[in-house]
Amino acid sequence: MMEKFKEAFSKINWTDKRLIVIVIVVLLIFLMMGFNNRLINMNRLIRQENILQTRIAGLESTKIAVEEQVAYATSEVALEEWARESNHLIEPGDQAIVLIPSDEQLSTPVPPSVIEEEKSSLSHFETWILLLFGED
């Protein structure tokens, strides 16, 4: 098999300009296909890079916001705000003021009385007739 290939290869007239042009064109086509594949990969990687840079920017801004929240939460101002507003604590020397609600707010609301309906002695069929066609 290899000998046949060598014989066929040796019979080719390499001085023919048409043959040289065809070989060069075929080589250029393969080079252009490789170049095209590399351009496609480069464009895909550039899009991925842009997406990742956007995500990184968002994560960095989130990190900064969380760091600011941690800094505030560990500060004395946050501690005092929590103690006074959430737990209603006072500092030594402060006078506590307790607001007494007005009389209107002190009255206990009375729930409306619930009237129990008497069970009717109607059959299911009669009940459906009444629901669909009403009372006559």
Protein backbone atom coordinates (compact mmCIF):
# COMPACT_ATOMS: atom_id res chain seq x y z
CA MET A 1 0.00 0.00 0.00
CA MET A 2 2.77 2.35 0.92
CA GLU A 3 4.59 1.48 -2.27
CA LYS A 4 1.55 2.40 -4.36
CA PHE A 5 1.37 5.73 -2.61
CA LYS A 6 5.09 6.36 -3.24
CA GLU A 7 4.69 5.46 -6.92
CA ALA A 8 1.67 7.74 -7.34
CA PHE A 9 3.48 10.52 -5.49
CA SER A 10 6.59 10.15 -7.64
CA LYS A 11 4.54 10.30 -10.88
CA ILE A 12 3.20 13.76 -10.02
CA ASN A 13 4.68 16.49 -12.17
CA TRP A 14 5.76 19.02 -9.52
CA THR A 15 6.85 21.54 -12.13
CA ASP A 16 3.26 22.09 -13.24
CA LYS A 17 2.18 25.52 -11.95
CA ARG A 18 -1.49 24.53 -11.71
CA LEU A 19 -0.67 21.79 -9.25
CA ILE A 20 1.38 24.13 -7.10
CA VAL A 21 -1.45 26.70 -7.09
CA ILE A 22 -4.01 24.03 -6.08
CA VAL A 23 -1.79 22.82 -3.22
CA ILE A 24 -1.27 26.40 -2.00
CA VAL A 25 -5.02 27.14 -2.19
CA VAL A 26 -5.84 23.99 -0.21
CA LEU A 27 -3.25 24.94 2.43
CA LEU A 28 -4.66 28.48 2.64
CA ILE A 29 -8.20 27.10 3.07
CA PHE A 30 -7.05 24.95 6.00
CA LEU A 31 -5.18 27.90 7.53
CA MET A 32 -8.27 30.13 7.19
CA MET A 33 -10.47 27.47 8.83
CA GLY A 34 -8.08 27.31 11.77
CA PHE A 35 -7.96 31.09 11.97
CA ASN A 36 -11.78 31.26 11.89
CA ASN A 37 -12.03 28.74 14.75
CA ARG A 38 -9.59 30.79 16.80
CA LEU A 39 -11.59 33.98 16.16
CA ILE A 40 -14.81 32.26 17.26
CA ASN A 41 -13.14 31.03 20.45
CA MET A 42 -11.68 34.49 21.11
CA ASN A 43 -15.11 36.15 20.74
CA ARG A 44 -16.70 33.58 23.07
CA LEU A 45 -13.98 34.12 25.66
CA ILE A 46 -14.35 37.92 25.41
CA ARG A 47 -18.11 37.62 26.04
CA GLN A 48 -17.47 35.36 29.02
CA GLU A 49 -14.87 37.81 30.32
CA ASN A 50 -17.36 40.70 30.10
CA ILE A 51 -20.01 38.68 31.93
CA LEU A 52 -17.56 37.72 34.67
CA GLN A 53 -16.32 41.30 35.04
CA THR A 54 -19.91 42.44 35.52
CA ARG A 55 -20.46 39.76 38.17
CA ILE A 56 -17.19 40.71 39.88
CA ALA A 57 -18.23 44.38 40.00
CA GLY A 58 -21.58 43.41 41.54
CA LEU A 59 -19.92 41.16 44.10
CA GLU A 60 -17.41 43.86 45.01
CA SER A 61 -20.20 46.39 45.61
CA THR A 62 -22.03 43.79 47.72
CA LYS A 63 -18.84 43.17 49.69
CA ILE A 64 -18.43 46.89 50.35
CA ALA A 65 -22.06 47.19 51.49
CA VAL A 66 -21.69 44.21 53.83
CA GLU A 67 -18.44 45.60 55.25
CA GLU A 68 -20.22 48.90 55.94
CA GLN A 69 -23.08 47.08 57.67
CA VAL A 70 -20.60 45.10 59.80
CA ALA A 71 -18.74 48.28 60.71
CA TYR A 72 -22.00 49.95 61.74
CA ALA A 73 -23.24 46.89 63.64
CA THR A 74 -20.05 46.76 65.71
CA SER A 75 -20.08 50.49 66.50
CA GLU A 76 -21.18 52.14 69.74
CA VAL A 77 -23.90 54.07 67.89
CA ALA A 78 -25.58 50.84 66.75
CA LEU A 79 -25.33 49.37 70.23
CA GLU A 80 -26.97 52.42 71.81
CA GLU A 81 -29.66 52.52 69.12
CA TRP A 82 -30.43 48.83 69.69
CA ALA A 83 -30.54 49.25 73.47
CA ARG A 84 -32.80 52.32 73.46
CA GLU A 85 -35.16 51.50 70.59
CA SER A 86 -35.46 47.71 70.60
CA ASN A 87 -35.02 46.84 74.27
CA HIS A 88 -36.26 50.13 75.75
CA LEU A 89 -33.23 50.41 78.03
CA ILE A 90 -32.18 53.68 79.65
CA GLU A 91 -28.82 55.06 80.67
CA PRO A 92 -28.05 55.91 84.28
CA GLY A 93 -29.46 59.36 85.00
CA ASP A 94 -32.25 59.13 82.40
CA GLN A 95 -35.85 59.30 83.55
CA ALA A 96 -38.15 56.75 82.02
CA ILE A 97 -41.45 58.09 80.71
CA VAL A 98 -44.33 55.64 80.41
CA LEU A 99 -47.20 56.79 78.23
CA ILE A 100 -50.66 55.84 79.47
CA PRO A 101 -53.17 55.28 76.70
CA SER A 102 -56.42 57.23 76.64
CA ASP A 103 -59.71 55.73 77.86
CA GLU A 104 -60.82 54.86 74.36
CA GLN A 105 -57.80 52.62 73.89
CA LEU A 106 -58.24 50.97 77.31
CA SER A 107 -61.70 49.63 76.63
CA THR A 108 -61.76 46.02 75.64
CA PRO A 109 -63.43 45.39 72.33
CA VAL A 110 -66.50 43.20 72.54
CA PRO A 111 -66.83 40.63 69.80
CA PRO A 112 -70.16 40.65 67.98
CA SER A 113 -72.52 37.99 69.18
CA VAL A 114 -72.72 34.94 67.02
CA ILE A 115 -76.23 33.80 66.29
CA GLU A 116 -76.43 30.10 65.80
CA GLU A 117 -78.50 29.14 62.86
CA GLU A 118 -81.06 26.49 63.40
CA LYS A 119 -80.46 23.39 61.40
CA SER A 120 -83.18 22.96 58.88
CA SER A 121 -84.76 19.64 58.25
CA LEU A 122 -84.36 19.97 54.49
CA SER A 123 -82.86 17.19 52.47
CA HIS A 124 -79.79 17.77 50.35
CA PHE A 125 -81.87 17.86 47.21
CA GLU A 126 -84.19 20.52 48.64
CA THR A 127 -81.20 22.57 49.81
CA TRP A 128 -79.74 22.53 46.29
CA ILE A 129 -83.08 23.52 44.80
CA LEU A 130 -83.26 26.48 47.17
CA LEU A 131 -79.67 27.49 46.37
CA LEU A 132 -80.14 27.29 42.61
CA PHE A 133 -83.65 28.63 42.13
CA GLY A 134 -84.24 30.62 45.30
CA GLU A 135 -87.31 30.65 47.49
CA ASP A 136 -90.71 30.75 45.83
